[in-house]
Amino acid sequence: MGLENITALAIEIAVAKLFNFRTNNILSCVRGGIVFDYELDILILTPHGFGYEIEIKTTKSDLIADK
């Protein structure tokens, strides 16, 4: 698979494997809530109480639109 053919779903799966979905809570497409008022592509919550936000960009226009 060339880099131009990588999808957001493929990136989400790779991130879930990287952060070990068996030991961490991994949530996809989280929208709004009490703590934040924006969309998260991936939210990873560790058993030790840490949270990681992962933002996925698949095109240059995605990146520019978030500035």
C-alpha atoms as a PDB file:
ATOM      1  CA  MET A   1       0.000   0.000   0.000  1.00  0.00           C
ATOM      2  CA  GLY A   2       1.481   3.337  -1.039  1.00  0.00           C
ATOM      3  CA  LEU A   3       1.353   6.340   1.248  1.00  0.00           C
ATOM      4  CA  GLU A   4      -1.220   8.023  -0.983  1.00  0.00           C
ATOM      5  CA  ASN A   5      -3.652   5.131  -0.365  1.00  0.00           C
ATOM      6  CA  ILE A   6      -3.608   5.122   3.443  1.00  0.00           C
ATOM      7  CA  THR A   7      -7.032   5.816   4.925  1.00  0.00           C
ATOM      8  CA  ALA A   8      -8.010   7.297   8.278  1.00  0.00           C
ATOM      9  CA  LEU A   9      -9.355   3.873   9.286  1.00  0.00           C
ATOM     10  CA  ALA A  10      -5.990   2.229   8.545  1.00  0.00           C
ATOM     11  CA  ILE A  11      -4.276   4.863  10.693  1.00  0.00           C
ATOM     12  CA  GLU A  12      -6.789   4.312  13.531  1.00  0.00           C
ATOM     13  CA  ILE A  13      -6.122   0.567  13.487  1.00  0.00           C
ATOM     14  CA  ALA A  14      -2.354   1.108  13.487  1.00  0.00           C
ATOM     15  CA  VAL A  15      -2.617   3.528  16.436  1.00  0.00           C
ATOM     16  CA  ALA A  16      -4.829   1.084  18.377  1.00  0.00           C
ATOM     17  CA  LYS A  17      -2.222  -1.636  17.871  1.00  0.00           C
ATOM     18  CA  LEU A  18       0.626   0.734  18.810  1.00  0.00           C
ATOM     19  CA  PHE A  19      -1.067   1.755  22.075  1.00  0.00           C
ATOM     20  CA  ASN A  20      -2.120  -1.847  22.847  1.00  0.00           C
ATOM     21  CA  PHE A  21      -5.918  -1.858  22.837  1.00  0.00           C
ATOM     22  CA  ARG A  22      -5.891  -4.767  25.321  1.00  0.00           C
ATOM     23  CA  THR A  23      -4.537  -2.609  28.151  1.00  0.00           C
ATOM     24  CA  ASN A  24      -5.741   0.895  27.206  1.00  0.00           C
ATOM     25  CA  ASN A  25      -9.232   2.221  26.531  1.00  0.00           C
ATOM     26  CA  ILE A  26      -9.252   3.516  22.955  1.00  0.00           C
ATOM     27  CA  LEU A  27     -12.210   5.560  21.741  1.00  0.00           C
ATOM     28  CA  SER A  28     -12.684   6.657  18.148  1.00  0.00           C
ATOM     29  CA  CYS A  29     -14.551   9.753  16.890  1.00  0.00           C
ATOM     30  CA  VAL A  30     -15.263  11.319  20.275  1.00  0.00           C
ATOM     31  CA  ARG A  31     -17.417  14.433  19.955  1.00  0.00           C
ATOM     32  CA  GLY A  32     -17.812  17.097  22.603  1.00  0.00           C
ATOM     33  CA  GLY A  33     -18.586  16.616  26.222  1.00  0.00           C
ATOM     34  CA  ILE A  34     -18.054  18.248  29.566  1.00  0.00           C
ATOM     35  CA  VAL A  35     -14.263  18.479  29.357  1.00  0.00           C
ATOM     36  CA  PHE A  36     -13.859  19.665  25.755  1.00  0.00           C
ATOM     37  CA  ASP A  37     -16.047  21.134  23.025  1.00  0.00           C
ATOM     38  CA  TYR A  38     -14.406  19.764  19.895  1.00  0.00           C
ATOM     39  CA  GLU A  39     -14.011  16.438  18.098  1.00  0.00           C
ATOM     40  CA  LEU A  40     -11.216  13.970  18.835  1.00  0.00           C
ATOM     41  CA  ASP A  41     -10.240  11.424  16.195  1.00  0.00           C
ATOM     42  CA  ILE A  42      -8.886   9.029  18.817  1.00  0.00           C
ATOM     43  CA  LEU A  43      -8.844   9.293  22.609  1.00  0.00           C
ATOM     44  CA  ILE A  44      -6.619   6.863  24.507  1.00  0.00           C
ATOM     45  CA  LEU A  45      -7.099   6.445  28.253  1.00  0.00           C
ATOM     46  CA  THR A  46      -4.461   4.488  30.155  1.00  0.00           C
ATOM     47  CA  PRO A  47      -5.043   2.446  33.324  1.00  0.00           C
ATOM     48  CA  HIS A  48      -2.840   4.995  35.153  1.00  0.00           C
ATOM     49  CA  GLY A  49      -5.192   7.880  34.349  1.00  0.00           C
ATOM     50  CA  PHE A  50      -3.333   9.456  31.440  1.00  0.00           C
ATOM     51  CA  GLY A  51      -5.155  10.542  28.299  1.00  0.00           C
ATOM     52  CA  TYR A  52      -3.786  10.940  24.792  1.00  0.00           C
ATOM     53  CA  GLU A  53      -5.524  12.765  21.975  1.00  0.00           C
ATOM     54  CA  ILE A  54      -4.648  11.624  18.459  1.00  0.00           C
ATOM     55  CA  GLU A  55      -5.585  13.846  15.519  1.00  0.00           C
ATOM     56  CA  ILE A  56      -5.518  12.141  12.115  1.00  0.00           C
ATOM     57  CA  LYS A  57      -4.804  14.107   8.958  1.00  0.00           C
ATOM     58  CA  THR A  58      -4.950  12.345   5.594  1.00  0.00           C
ATOM     59  CA  THR A  59      -4.607  15.336   3.282  1.00  0.00           C
ATOM     60  CA  LYS A  60      -2.787  18.639   3.242  1.00  0.00           C
ATOM     61  CA  SER A  61      -6.139  20.456   3.138  1.00  0.00           C
ATOM     62  CA  ASP A  62      -7.143  18.676   6.403  1.00  0.00           C
ATOM     63  CA  LEU A  63      -4.013  20.026   8.021  1.00  0.00           C
ATOM     64  CA  ILE A  64      -4.509  23.582   6.755  1.00  0.00           C
ATOM     65  CA  ALA A  65      -8.208  23.623   7.773  1.00  0.00           C
ATOM     66  CA  ASP A  66      -7.284  22.998  11.433  1.00  0.00           C
ATOM     67  CA  LYS A  67      -5.009  26.027  11.809  1.00  0.00           C
END
